[in-house]
Amino acid sequence: MSLFLASDHFGYPLKKVIAEHLHKKGVEFEDLGVNSEDEVIDYPDIALKACLTITEGKHQYGILVCGTGLGMAMAANKIPGIYAAPTHDIYSAERAKKSNDSNVMTLGRHIVGPELAKMLVDAWLGSEFGGGRSLPKVQKIREIEKKYMK
C-alpha cells in the first residue's frame, strides 16, 4: 500500500497526530505538507498536489486534513479518479472503503479529536472494497465521472 498524508494549515495539528500514529504502527507514507500552522496554503491547492500523486500512479491512497474535512473532499473529488470521503465516525470510515471504494479519506481538525482520528484512520486503512451489491453503484459513479469530468 502506498499512502500520502497532507493538510492545509488548519489541519496541520491533526495531521501531525496522524503522522505520529502511522509511524508508531509502522505504516509507511509520504508527507506532502504543510509543515506548520504558519505555512498558509489553501486546501484546494494541497488537495490537487496530493491527489495527483494517485492519478500519476505514485500512491494508491491518501489522507487529507483541513478544518472540517469537507473542503478537501470537495476539491479532491473534482480530480478524475479520486474518490474522497469525509469521515467523522468509525462506521463511515469503514464504509467509505468497503462500500464506496474510496481512495482518499478526509478529516476535519475542528470536527474530529486526536484519539478519534487515530481510530478513523485505522478503520479506513483496515478496510477493503467488498464489491458485491456495492459494485454496481460504484460502477455507476465511475460512469458519471466519465460522462461529466472531461
C-alpha atoms as a PDB file:
ATOM      1  CA  MET A   1       0.000   0.000   0.000  1.00  0.00           C
ATOM      2  CA  SER A   2       1.348   3.399  -0.965  1.00  0.00           C
ATOM      3  CA  LEU A   3      -0.087   6.276   1.074  1.00  0.00           C
ATOM      4  CA  PHE A   4       0.192  10.052   1.285  1.00  0.00           C
ATOM      5  CA  LEU A   5      -0.732  12.351   4.158  1.00  0.00           C
ATOM      6  CA  ALA A   6      -1.351  16.071   3.619  1.00  0.00           C
ATOM      7  CA  SER A   7      -3.114  19.029   5.195  1.00  0.00           C
ATOM      8  CA  ASP A   8      -3.652  22.737   4.961  1.00  0.00           C
ATOM      9  CA  HIS A   9      -2.592  24.998   7.837  1.00  0.00           C
ATOM     10  CA  PHE A  10      -5.886  24.462   9.704  1.00  0.00           C
ATOM     11  CA  GLY A  11      -5.460  20.692   9.566  1.00  0.00           C
ATOM     12  CA  TYR A  12      -1.759  20.634  10.411  1.00  0.00           C
ATOM     13  CA  PRO A  13      -2.089  19.856  14.165  1.00  0.00           C
ATOM     14  CA  LEU A  14      -4.271  16.819  13.432  1.00  0.00           C
ATOM     15  CA  LYS A  15      -2.044  15.758  10.520  1.00  0.00           C
ATOM     16  CA  LYS A  16       0.873  15.746  12.942  1.00  0.00           C
ATOM     17  CA  VAL A  17      -1.055  13.431  15.313  1.00  0.00           C
ATOM     18  CA  ILE A  18      -1.921  11.104  12.438  1.00  0.00           C
ATOM     19  CA  ALA A  19       1.691  11.060  11.218  1.00  0.00           C
ATOM     20  CA  GLU A  20       2.927  10.047  14.680  1.00  0.00           C
ATOM     21  CA  HIS A  21       0.230   7.368  14.859  1.00  0.00           C
ATOM     22  CA  LEU A  22       1.180   5.939  11.463  1.00  0.00           C
ATOM     23  CA  HIS A  23       4.876   5.932  12.406  1.00  0.00           C
ATOM     24  CA  LYS A  24       4.121   4.024  15.638  1.00  0.00           C
ATOM     25  CA  LYS A  25       2.124   1.452  13.665  1.00  0.00           C
ATOM     26  CA  GLY A  26       4.916   1.070  11.112  1.00  0.00           C
ATOM     27  CA  VAL A  27       2.771   2.356   8.249  1.00  0.00           C
ATOM     28  CA  GLU A  28       4.873   3.999   5.562  1.00  0.00           C
ATOM     29  CA  PHE A  29       3.558   7.203   3.979  1.00  0.00           C
ATOM     30  CA  GLU A  30       4.735  10.321   2.209  1.00  0.00           C
ATOM     31  CA  ASP A  31       4.069  13.603   4.000  1.00  0.00           C
ATOM     32  CA  LEU A  32       3.093  16.144   1.350  1.00  0.00           C
ATOM     33  CA  GLY A  33       2.800  19.134   3.704  1.00  0.00           C
ATOM     34  CA  VAL A  34       2.088  21.530   5.126  1.00  0.00           C
ATOM     35  CA  ASN A  35       4.770  21.564   7.790  1.00  0.00           C
ATOM     36  CA  SER A  36       3.389  24.109  10.246  1.00  0.00           C
ATOM     37  CA  GLU A  37       0.307  26.157  11.019  1.00  0.00           C
ATOM     38  CA  ASP A  38       2.222  29.186   9.733  1.00  0.00           C
ATOM     39  CA  GLU A  39       2.525  27.694   6.233  1.00  0.00           C
ATOM     40  CA  VAL A  40      -0.701  29.124   4.825  1.00  0.00           C
ATOM     41  CA  ILE A  41      -1.731  27.171   1.744  1.00  0.00           C
ATOM     42  CA  ASP A  42      -5.354  26.843   0.639  1.00  0.00           C
ATOM     43  CA  TYR A  43      -6.889  23.370   0.842  1.00  0.00           C
ATOM     44  CA  PRO A  44      -7.700  23.159  -2.903  1.00  0.00           C
ATOM     45  CA  ASP A  45      -4.001  23.580  -3.677  1.00  0.00           C
ATOM     46  CA  ILE A  46      -2.998  20.829  -1.228  1.00  0.00           C
ATOM     47  CA  ALA A  47      -5.789  18.504  -2.416  1.00  0.00           C
ATOM     48  CA  LEU A  48      -4.708  18.910  -6.034  1.00  0.00           C
ATOM     49  CA  LYS A  49      -0.999  18.437  -5.357  1.00  0.00           C
ATOM     50  CA  ALA A  50      -1.582  15.369  -3.182  1.00  0.00           C
ATOM     51  CA  CYS A  51      -4.274  13.664  -5.241  1.00  0.00           C
ATOM     52  CA  LEU A  52      -2.313  13.985  -8.458  1.00  0.00           C
ATOM     53  CA  THR A  53       0.148  11.543  -6.881  1.00  0.00           C
ATOM     54  CA  ILE A  54      -2.667   8.961  -7.041  1.00  0.00           C
ATOM     55  CA  THR A  55      -3.666   9.708 -10.627  1.00  0.00           C
ATOM     56  CA  GLU A  56       0.006   9.619 -11.647  1.00  0.00           C
ATOM     57  CA  GLY A  57       0.437   6.191 -10.000  1.00  0.00           C
ATOM     58  CA  LYS A  58       2.814   7.203  -7.209  1.00  0.00           C
ATOM     59  CA  HIS A  59       0.331   6.473  -4.415  1.00  0.00           C
ATOM     60  CA  GLN A  60      -2.709   4.242  -4.069  1.00  0.00           C
ATOM     61  CA  TYR A  61      -4.372   6.006  -1.118  1.00  0.00           C
ATOM     62  CA  GLY A  62      -4.313   9.310   0.693  1.00  0.00           C
ATOM     63  CA  ILE A  63      -5.404  11.115   3.839  1.00  0.00           C
ATOM     64  CA  LEU A  64      -6.242  14.823   3.663  1.00  0.00           C
ATOM     65  CA  VAL A  65      -6.891  17.053   6.693  1.00  0.00           C
ATOM     66  CA  CYS A  66      -8.378  20.554   6.792  1.00  0.00           C
ATOM     67  CA  GLY A  67     -10.661  22.391   9.208  1.00  0.00           C
ATOM     68  CA  THR A  68     -13.782  20.307   8.528  1.00  0.00           C
ATOM     69  CA  GLY A  69     -12.669  17.686   6.008  1.00  0.00           C
ATOM     70  CA  LEU A  70     -15.377  18.930   3.689  1.00  0.00           C
ATOM     71  CA  GLY A  71     -13.399  21.389   1.591  1.00  0.00           C
ATOM     72  CA  MET A  72     -10.637  18.858   0.996  1.00  0.00           C
ATOM     73  CA  ALA A  73     -13.207  16.273  -0.112  1.00  0.00           C
ATOM     74  CA  MET A  74     -14.922  18.725  -2.449  1.00  0.00           C
ATOM     75  CA  ALA A  75     -11.641  19.803  -4.048  1.00  0.00           C
ATOM     76  CA  ALA A  76     -10.243  16.260  -4.285  1.00  0.00           C
ATOM     77  CA  ASN A  77     -13.401  14.884  -5.869  1.00  0.00           C
ATOM     78  CA  LYS A  78     -13.019  17.280  -8.803  1.00  0.00           C
ATOM     79  CA  ILE A  79      -9.996  15.248  -9.920  1.00  0.00           C
ATOM     80  CA  PRO A  80     -10.964  12.280 -12.103  1.00  0.00           C
ATOM     81  CA  GLY A  81     -10.039   9.020 -10.409  1.00  0.00           C
ATOM     82  CA  ILE A  82     -10.233  10.425  -6.888  1.00  0.00           C
ATOM     83  CA  TYR A  83     -12.953   9.166  -4.585  1.00  0.00           C
ATOM     84  CA  ALA A  84     -12.584  11.183  -1.399  1.00  0.00           C
ATOM     85  CA  ALA A  85     -14.842  10.555   1.585  1.00  0.00           C
ATOM     86  CA  PRO A  86     -15.174  12.830   4.611  1.00  0.00           C
ATOM     87  CA  THR A  87     -15.063  10.622   7.688  1.00  0.00           C
ATOM     88  CA  HIS A  88     -16.248  11.692  11.113  1.00  0.00           C
ATOM     89  CA  ASP A  89     -17.258   8.359  12.647  1.00  0.00           C
ATOM     90  CA  ILE A  90     -15.919   4.812  12.514  1.00  0.00           C
ATOM     91  CA  TYR A  91     -18.827   3.390  10.537  1.00  0.00           C
ATOM     92  CA  SER A  92     -18.450   5.969   7.741  1.00  0.00           C
ATOM     93  CA  ALA A  93     -14.666   5.414   7.688  1.00  0.00           C
ATOM     94  CA  GLU A  94     -15.162   1.673   7.174  1.00  0.00           C
ATOM     95  CA  ARG A  95     -17.986   2.037   4.666  1.00  0.00           C
ATOM     96  CA  ALA A  96     -16.052   4.636   2.655  1.00  0.00           C
ATOM     97  CA  LYS A  97     -13.774   1.833   1.522  1.00  0.00           C
ATOM     98  CA  LYS A  98     -15.896  -1.293   1.962  1.00  0.00           C
ATOM     99  CA  SER A  99     -18.952   0.042   0.105  1.00  0.00           C
ATOM    100  CA  ASN A 100     -17.677   3.023  -1.875  1.00  0.00           C
ATOM    101  CA  ASP A 101     -14.084   2.057  -2.762  1.00  0.00           C
ATOM    102  CA  SER A 102     -12.704   5.431  -1.636  1.00  0.00           C
ATOM    103  CA  ASN A 103      -9.039   6.057  -2.251  1.00  0.00           C
ATOM    104  CA  VAL A 104      -8.846   9.230  -0.154  1.00  0.00           C
ATOM    105  CA  MET A 105     -10.197   9.898   3.308  1.00  0.00           C
ATOM    106  CA  THR A 106     -10.645  13.418   4.606  1.00  0.00           C
ATOM    107  CA  LEU A 107     -10.726  14.542   8.210  1.00  0.00           C
ATOM    108  CA  GLY A 108     -11.582  17.816   9.909  1.00  0.00           C
ATOM    109  CA  ARG A 109      -9.430  19.089  12.752  1.00  0.00           C
ATOM    110  CA  HIS A 110     -12.314  21.170  14.117  1.00  0.00           C
ATOM    111  CA  ILE A 111     -14.672  18.167  13.960  1.00  0.00           C
ATOM    112  CA  VAL A 112     -12.567  15.144  14.948  1.00  0.00           C
ATOM    113  CA  GLY A 113     -10.380  14.923  18.028  1.00  0.00           C
ATOM    114  CA  PRO A 114      -6.957  13.256  18.023  1.00  0.00           C
ATOM    115  CA  GLU A 115      -7.995   9.907  19.517  1.00  0.00           C
ATOM    116  CA  LEU A 116     -10.996   9.536  17.234  1.00  0.00           C
ATOM    117  CA  ALA A 117      -8.840  10.493  14.244  1.00  0.00           C
ATOM    118  CA  LYS A 118      -6.479   7.608  15.021  1.00  0.00           C
ATOM    119  CA  MET A 119      -9.412   5.190  15.181  1.00  0.00           C
ATOM    120  CA  LEU A 120     -10.835   6.533  11.916  1.00  0.00           C
ATOM    121  CA  VAL A 121      -7.511   6.136  10.133  1.00  0.00           C
ATOM    122  CA  ASP A 122      -7.179   2.568  11.446  1.00  0.00           C
ATOM    123  CA  ALA A 123     -10.745   1.722  10.396  1.00  0.00           C
ATOM    124  CA  TRP A 124     -10.282   3.164   6.912  1.00  0.00           C
ATOM    125  CA  LEU A 125      -6.849   1.657   6.303  1.00  0.00           C
ATOM    126  CA  GLY A 126      -8.042  -1.691   7.659  1.00  0.00           C
ATOM    127  CA  SER A 127     -10.975  -1.885   5.255  1.00  0.00           C
ATOM    128  CA  GLU A 128     -11.112  -3.170   1.699  1.00  0.00           C
ATOM    129  CA  PHE A 129     -13.687  -2.743  -1.028  1.00  0.00           C
ATOM    130  CA  GLY A 130     -16.060  -5.678  -0.818  1.00  0.00           C
ATOM    131  CA  GLY A 131     -17.663  -5.436  -4.245  1.00  0.00           C
ATOM    132  CA  GLY A 132     -20.888  -7.409  -4.024  1.00  0.00           C
ATOM    133  CA  ARG A 133     -24.053  -5.289  -4.030  1.00  0.00           C
ATOM    134  CA  SER A 134     -21.912  -2.148  -3.890  1.00  0.00           C
ATOM    135  CA  LEU A 135     -20.062  -2.854  -7.127  1.00  0.00           C
ATOM    136  CA  PRO A 136     -22.857  -1.733  -9.500  1.00  0.00           C
ATOM    137  CA  LYS A 137     -23.244   1.501  -7.521  1.00  0.00           C
ATOM    138  CA  VAL A 138     -19.536   2.243  -7.645  1.00  0.00           C
ATOM    139  CA  GLN A 139     -19.551   1.489 -11.369  1.00  0.00           C
ATOM    140  CA  LYS A 140     -22.395   3.993 -11.808  1.00  0.00           C
ATOM    141  CA  ILE A 141     -20.315   6.634 -10.016  1.00  0.00           C
ATOM    142  CA  ARG A 142     -17.441   5.943 -12.397  1.00  0.00           C
ATOM    143  CA  GLU A 143     -19.785   6.216 -15.397  1.00  0.00           C
ATOM    144  CA  ILE A 144     -20.969   9.623 -14.156  1.00  0.00           C
ATOM    145  CA  GLU A 145     -17.324  10.626 -13.818  1.00  0.00           C
ATOM    146  CA  LYS A 146     -16.545   9.530 -17.384  1.00  0.00           C
ATOM    147  CA  LYS A 147     -19.514  11.464 -18.763  1.00  0.00           C
ATOM    148  CA  TYR A 148     -19.072  14.753 -16.908  1.00  0.00           C
ATOM    149  CA  MET A 149     -15.428  15.076 -15.861  1.00  0.00           C
ATOM    150  CA  LYS A 150     -13.714  15.608 -19.185  1.00  0.00           C
END
